[in-house]
PDB file of N, CA and C in Angstrom:
ATOM      1  N   MET A   1       0.933  -1.344   0.369  1.00  0.00           N
ATOM      2  CA  MET A   1      -0.207  -0.088   0.337  1.00  0.00           C
ATOM      3  C   MET A   1       0.622   1.423   0.064  1.00  0.00           C
ATOM      4  N   ARG A   2       2.099   1.135   0.576  1.00  0.00           N
ATOM      5  CA  ARG A   2       2.650   2.330   0.740  1.00  0.00           C
ATOM      6  C   ARG A   2       3.979   3.050  -0.357  1.00  0.00           C
ATOM      7  N   GLN A   3       3.841   1.223  -0.778  1.00  0.00           N
ATOM      8  CA  GLN A   3       4.891   1.652  -2.400  1.00  0.00           C
ATOM      9  C   GLN A   3       3.270   2.539  -3.600  1.00  0.00           C
ATOM     10  N   TYR A   4       2.408   1.896  -3.706  1.00  0.00           N
ATOM     11  CA  TYR A   4       1.103   2.506  -4.103  1.00  0.00           C
ATOM     12  C   TYR A   4       1.161   4.079  -4.409  1.00  0.00           C
ATOM     13  N   PHE A   5       1.254   4.553  -2.993  1.00  0.00           N
ATOM     14  CA  PHE A   5       0.677   6.052  -2.682  1.00  0.00           C
ATOM     15  C   PHE A   5       2.320   6.547  -3.310  1.00  0.00           C
ATOM     16  N   GLU A   6       3.752   5.908  -2.515  1.00  0.00           N
ATOM     17  CA  GLU A   6       4.710   6.711  -2.972  1.00  0.00           C
ATOM     18  C   GLU A   6       4.255   6.557  -4.701  1.00  0.00           C
ATOM     19  N   ASN A   7       3.964   5.360  -5.139  1.00  0.00           N
ATOM     20  CA  ASN A   7       3.857   5.998  -6.949  1.00  0.00           C
ATOM     21  C   ASN A   7       3.076   7.335  -7.374  1.00  0.00           C
ATOM     22  N   LEU A   8       2.158   7.219  -6.234  1.00  0.00           N
ATOM     23  CA  LEU A   8       0.794   8.136  -7.351  1.00  0.00           C
ATOM     24  C   LEU A   8       1.737   9.359  -6.810  1.00  0.00           C
ATOM     25  N   ILE A   9       2.245   9.872  -5.303  1.00  0.00           N
ATOM     26  CA  ILE A   9       2.477  10.909  -5.559  1.00  0.00           C
ATOM     27  C   ILE A   9       3.527  11.599  -6.248  1.00  0.00           C
ATOM     28  N   GLU A  10       4.145  10.397  -6.615  1.00  0.00           N
ATOM     29  CA  GLU A  10       5.455  10.907  -8.049  1.00  0.00           C
ATOM     30  C   GLU A  10       4.749  10.968  -9.218  1.00  0.00           C
ATOM     31  N   GLU A  11       4.000  10.183  -9.095  1.00  0.00           N
ATOM     32  CA  GLU A  11       2.355  10.569 -11.261  1.00  0.00           C
ATOM     33  C   GLU A  11       2.298  11.904 -10.914  1.00  0.00           C
ATOM     34  N   LYS A  12       2.207  12.344 -10.001  1.00  0.00           N
ATOM     35  CA  LYS A  12       1.186  13.792 -10.289  1.00  0.00           C
ATOM     36  C   LYS A  12       2.014  14.442  -9.574  1.00  0.00           C
ATOM     37  N   ASN A  13       3.269  14.763  -9.211  1.00  0.00           N
ATOM     38  CA  ASN A  13       4.333  15.734  -9.011  1.00  0.00           C
ATOM     39  C   ASN A  13       3.608  15.892  -7.123  1.00  0.00           C
ATOM     40  N   ILE A  14       3.049  15.442  -6.850  1.00  0.00           N
ATOM     41  CA  ILE A  14       2.769  16.447  -5.265  1.00  0.00           C
ATOM     42  C   ILE A  14       3.599  16.667  -4.369  1.00  0.00           C
ATOM     43  N   GLN A  15       4.986  15.561  -4.240  1.00  0.00           N
ATOM     44  CA  GLN A  15       6.438  15.129  -3.659  1.00  0.00           C
ATOM     45  C   GLN A  15       6.325  16.327  -2.404  1.00  0.00           C
ATOM     46  N   ASN A  16       6.211  17.778  -2.884  1.00  0.00           N
ATOM     47  CA  ASN A  16       6.508  18.799  -2.099  1.00  0.00           C
ATOM     48  C   ASN A  16       5.506  18.955  -1.388  1.00  0.00           C
ATOM     49  N   ASP A  17       3.932  18.342  -1.161  1.00  0.00           N
ATOM     50  CA  ASP A  17       2.870  19.237  -0.798  1.00  0.00           C
ATOM     51  C   ASP A  17       2.999  18.477   0.482  1.00  0.00           C
ATOM     52  N   ASP A  18       1.741  18.720   1.395  1.00  0.00           N
ATOM     53  CA  ASP A  18       1.765  18.650   3.120  1.00  0.00           C
ATOM     54  C   ASP A  18       0.222  17.368   2.819  1.00  0.00           C
ATOM     55  N   ILE A  19       0.981  16.293   2.951  1.00  0.00           N
ATOM     56  CA  ILE A  19      -0.056  15.345   2.512  1.00  0.00           C
ATOM     57  C   ILE A  19      -0.567  14.524   4.292  1.00  0.00           C
ATOM     58  N   SER A  20      -2.031  14.294   4.146  1.00  0.00           N
ATOM     59  CA  SER A  20      -2.600  13.495   5.322  1.00  0.00           C
ATOM     60  C   SER A  20      -3.479  12.303   4.624  1.00  0.00           C
ATOM     61  N   ILE A  21      -3.440  11.444   5.423  1.00  0.00           N
ATOM     62  CA  ILE A  21      -3.643  10.373   4.963  1.00  0.00           C
ATOM     63  C   ILE A  21      -4.893   9.522   6.238  1.00  0.00           C
ATOM     64  N   TYR A  22      -6.274  10.153   7.136  1.00  0.00           N
ATOM     65  CA  TYR A  22      -6.273   9.200   7.795  1.00  0.00           C
ATOM     66  C   TYR A  22      -7.592   7.440   7.336  1.00  0.00           C
ATOM     67  N   ILE A  23      -7.149   6.606   7.897  1.00  0.00           N
ATOM     68  CA  ILE A  23      -7.712   5.786   8.268  1.00  0.00           C
ATOM     69  C   ILE A  23      -8.726   4.704   9.697  1.00  0.00           C
ATOM     70  N   LYS A  24      -9.311   4.463   9.222  1.00  0.00           N
ATOM     71  CA  LYS A  24     -10.270   3.686  10.411  1.00  0.00           C
ATOM     72  C   LYS A  24     -10.715   2.656  10.133  1.00  0.00           C
ATOM     73  N   ALA A  25     -10.802   1.574  11.085  1.00  0.00           N
ATOM     74  CA  ALA A  25     -11.908   0.573  10.685  1.00  0.00           C
ATOM     75  C   ALA A  25     -13.522   0.745  10.560  1.00  0.00           C
ATOM     76  N   LEU A  26     -14.482   0.004   9.330  1.00  0.00           N
ATOM     77  CA  LEU A  26     -15.338   0.291   9.212  1.00  0.00           C
ATOM     78  C   LEU A  26     -15.810  -0.832  10.209  1.00  0.00           C
ATOM     79  N   ASP A  27     -17.282   0.150  10.501  1.00  0.00           N
ATOM     80  CA  ASP A  27     -18.221  -1.408  11.320  1.00  0.00           C
ATOM     81  C   ASP A  27     -19.268  -1.699  10.128  1.00  0.00           C
ATOM     82  N   SER A  28     -19.558  -3.009  10.269  1.00  0.00           N
ATOM     83  CA  SER A  28     -20.027  -3.975  10.206  1.00  0.00           C
ATOM     84  C   SER A  28     -21.037  -3.550   8.858  1.00  0.00           C
ATOM     85  N   LYS A  29     -22.507  -2.182   9.297  1.00  0.00           N
ATOM     86  CA  LYS A  29     -23.047  -1.296   8.723  1.00  0.00           C
ATOM     87  C   LYS A  29     -22.719  -0.851   7.778  1.00  0.00           C
ATOM     88  N   HIS A  30     -21.440  -0.686   7.368  1.00  0.00           N
ATOM     89  CA  HIS A  30     -20.608   0.346   6.348  1.00  0.00           C
ATOM     90  C   HIS A  30     -20.134  -0.384   5.601  1.00  0.00           C
ATOM     91  N   ALA A  31     -19.412  -1.598   6.209  1.00  0.00           N
ATOM     92  CA  ALA A  31     -18.350  -2.557   5.578  1.00  0.00           C
ATOM     93  C   ALA A  31     -19.854  -3.140   4.625  1.00  0.00           C
ATOM     94  N   ILE A  32     -20.801  -4.190   5.545  1.00  0.00           N
ATOM     95  CA  ILE A  32     -21.845  -4.908   4.339  1.00  0.00           C
ATOM     96  C   ILE A  32     -23.136  -4.571   4.772  1.00  0.00           C
ATOM     97  N   GLY A  33     -23.265  -3.239   4.082  1.00  0.00           N
ATOM     98  CA  GLY A  33     -24.646  -2.508   4.887  1.00  0.00           C
ATOM     99  C   GLY A  33     -25.678  -3.370   5.718  1.00  0.00           C
ATOM    100  N   LYS A  34     -26.825  -3.428   5.637  1.00  0.00           N
ATOM    101  CA  LYS A  34     -28.554  -3.981   6.417  1.00  0.00           C
ATOM    102  C   LYS A  34     -28.110  -5.383   5.839  1.00  0.00           C
ATOM    103  N   PRO A  35     -28.039  -6.894   6.519  1.00  0.00           N
ATOM    104  CA  PRO A  35     -28.917  -7.415   4.956  1.00  0.00           C
ATOM    105  C   PRO A  35     -29.907  -7.816   5.797  1.00  0.00           C
ATOM    106  N   LYS A  36     -30.649  -9.031   5.062  1.00  0.00           N
ATOM    107  CA  LYS A  36     -32.361  -9.178   5.151  1.00  0.00           C
ATOM    108  C   LYS A  36     -31.588  -9.772   6.714  1.00  0.00           C
ATOM    109  N   ARG A  37     -30.948 -11.061   6.241  1.00  0.00           N
ATOM    110  CA  ARG A  37     -29.999 -11.878   7.400  1.00  0.00           C
ATOM    111  C   ARG A  37     -29.005 -11.848   8.123  1.00  0.00           C
ATOM    112  N   GLN A  38     -28.938 -11.646   9.968  1.00  0.00           N
ATOM    113  CA  GLN A  38     -28.604 -11.324  10.327  1.00  0.00           C
ATOM    114  C   GLN A  38     -26.848 -12.416  10.611  1.00  0.00           C
ATOM    115  N   ASP A  39     -26.958 -13.339   9.971  1.00  0.00           N
ATOM    116  CA  ASP A  39     -25.322 -13.895   9.769  1.00  0.00           C
ATOM    117  C   ASP A  39     -24.458 -13.496   8.745  1.00  0.00           C
ATOM    118  N   TYR A  40     -24.349 -12.544   8.071  1.00  0.00           N
ATOM    119  CA  TYR A  40     -23.959 -11.728   7.198  1.00  0.00           C
ATOM    120  C   TYR A  40     -23.244 -12.743   6.220  1.00  0.00           C
ATOM    121  N   PRO A  41     -24.377 -13.140   5.320  1.00  0.00           N
ATOM    122  CA  PRO A  41     -24.244 -14.294   4.632  1.00  0.00           C
ATOM    123  C   PRO A  41     -23.116 -13.674   2.915  1.00  0.00           C
ATOM    124  N   LEU A  42     -22.771 -13.866   2.162  1.00  0.00           N
ATOM    125  CA  LEU A  42     -22.301 -13.120   1.186  1.00  0.00           C
ATOM    126  C   LEU A  42     -23.389 -13.254   0.351  1.00  0.00           C
ATOM    127  N   SER A  43     -23.310 -12.023  -1.136  1.00  0.00           N
ATOM    128  CA  SER A  43     -24.222 -12.959  -1.970  1.00  0.00           C
ATOM    129  C   SER A  43     -23.637 -13.190  -2.392  1.00  0.00           C
ATOM    130  N   LYS A  44     -24.317 -14.352  -3.815  1.00  0.00           N
ATOM    131  CA  LYS A  44     -23.704 -14.904  -4.957  1.00  0.00           C
ATOM    132  C   LYS A  44     -23.114 -14.115  -5.895  1.00  0.00           C
ATOM    133  N   TRP A  45     -23.123 -13.182  -6.295  1.00  0.00           N
ATOM    134  CA  TRP A  45     -22.514 -12.563  -6.889  1.00  0.00           C
ATOM    135  C   TRP A  45     -21.481 -12.133  -6.176  1.00  0.00           C
ATOM    136  N   GLN A  46     -21.100 -11.425  -5.326  1.00  0.00           N
ATOM    137  CA  GLN A  46     -19.882 -10.623  -4.230  1.00  0.00           C
ATOM    138  C   GLN A  46     -18.672 -11.960  -4.201  1.00  0.00           C
ATOM    139  N   GLU A  47     -19.262 -13.028  -4.043  1.00  0.00           N
ATOM    140  CA  GLU A  47     -18.839 -14.760  -3.440  1.00  0.00           C
ATOM    141  C   GLU A  47     -18.165 -14.708  -4.811  1.00  0.00           C
ATOM    142  N   SER A  48     -18.623 -14.983  -5.672  1.00  0.00           N
ATOM    143  CA  SER A  48     -17.907 -15.575  -7.162  1.00  0.00           C
ATOM    144  C   SER A  48     -16.621 -14.324  -7.564  1.00  0.00           C
ATOM    145  N   ALA A  49     -17.310 -12.885  -7.049  1.00  0.00           N
ATOM    146  CA  ALA A  49     -16.628 -12.377  -7.641  1.00  0.00           C
ATOM    147  C   ALA A  49     -14.576 -12.620  -6.843  1.00  0.00           C
ATOM    148  N   PHE A  50     -14.714 -13.125  -6.182  1.00  0.00           N
ATOM    149  CA  PHE A  50     -13.748 -12.797  -5.069  1.00  0.00           C
ATOM    150  C   PHE A  50     -12.729 -14.807  -4.898  1.00  0.00           C
ATOM    151  N   ARG A  51     -13.445 -15.775  -5.639  1.00  0.00           N
ATOM    152  CA  ARG A  51     -12.898 -16.719  -6.060  1.00  0.00           C
ATOM    153  C   ARG A  51     -11.926 -16.838  -7.313  1.00  0.00           C
ATOM    154  N   ILE A  52     -11.076 -17.241  -7.394  1.00  0.00           N
ATOM    155  CA  ILE A  52      -9.832 -17.199  -7.584  1.00  0.00           C
ATOM    156  C   ILE A  52      -9.865 -18.488  -8.931  1.00  0.00           C
TER     157      ILE A  52
END
């Protein structure tokens, strides 16, 4: 992740700008919404998107 942002900063030529990045963990409501079932099943389209 760090390398990604370093490349992005260089690409945008903003090395001398002040940059702040704030992160936080998502609660379940923000991460998956409000499913009807409370066991948080993946929907079929999401599940198939993560298969390798």
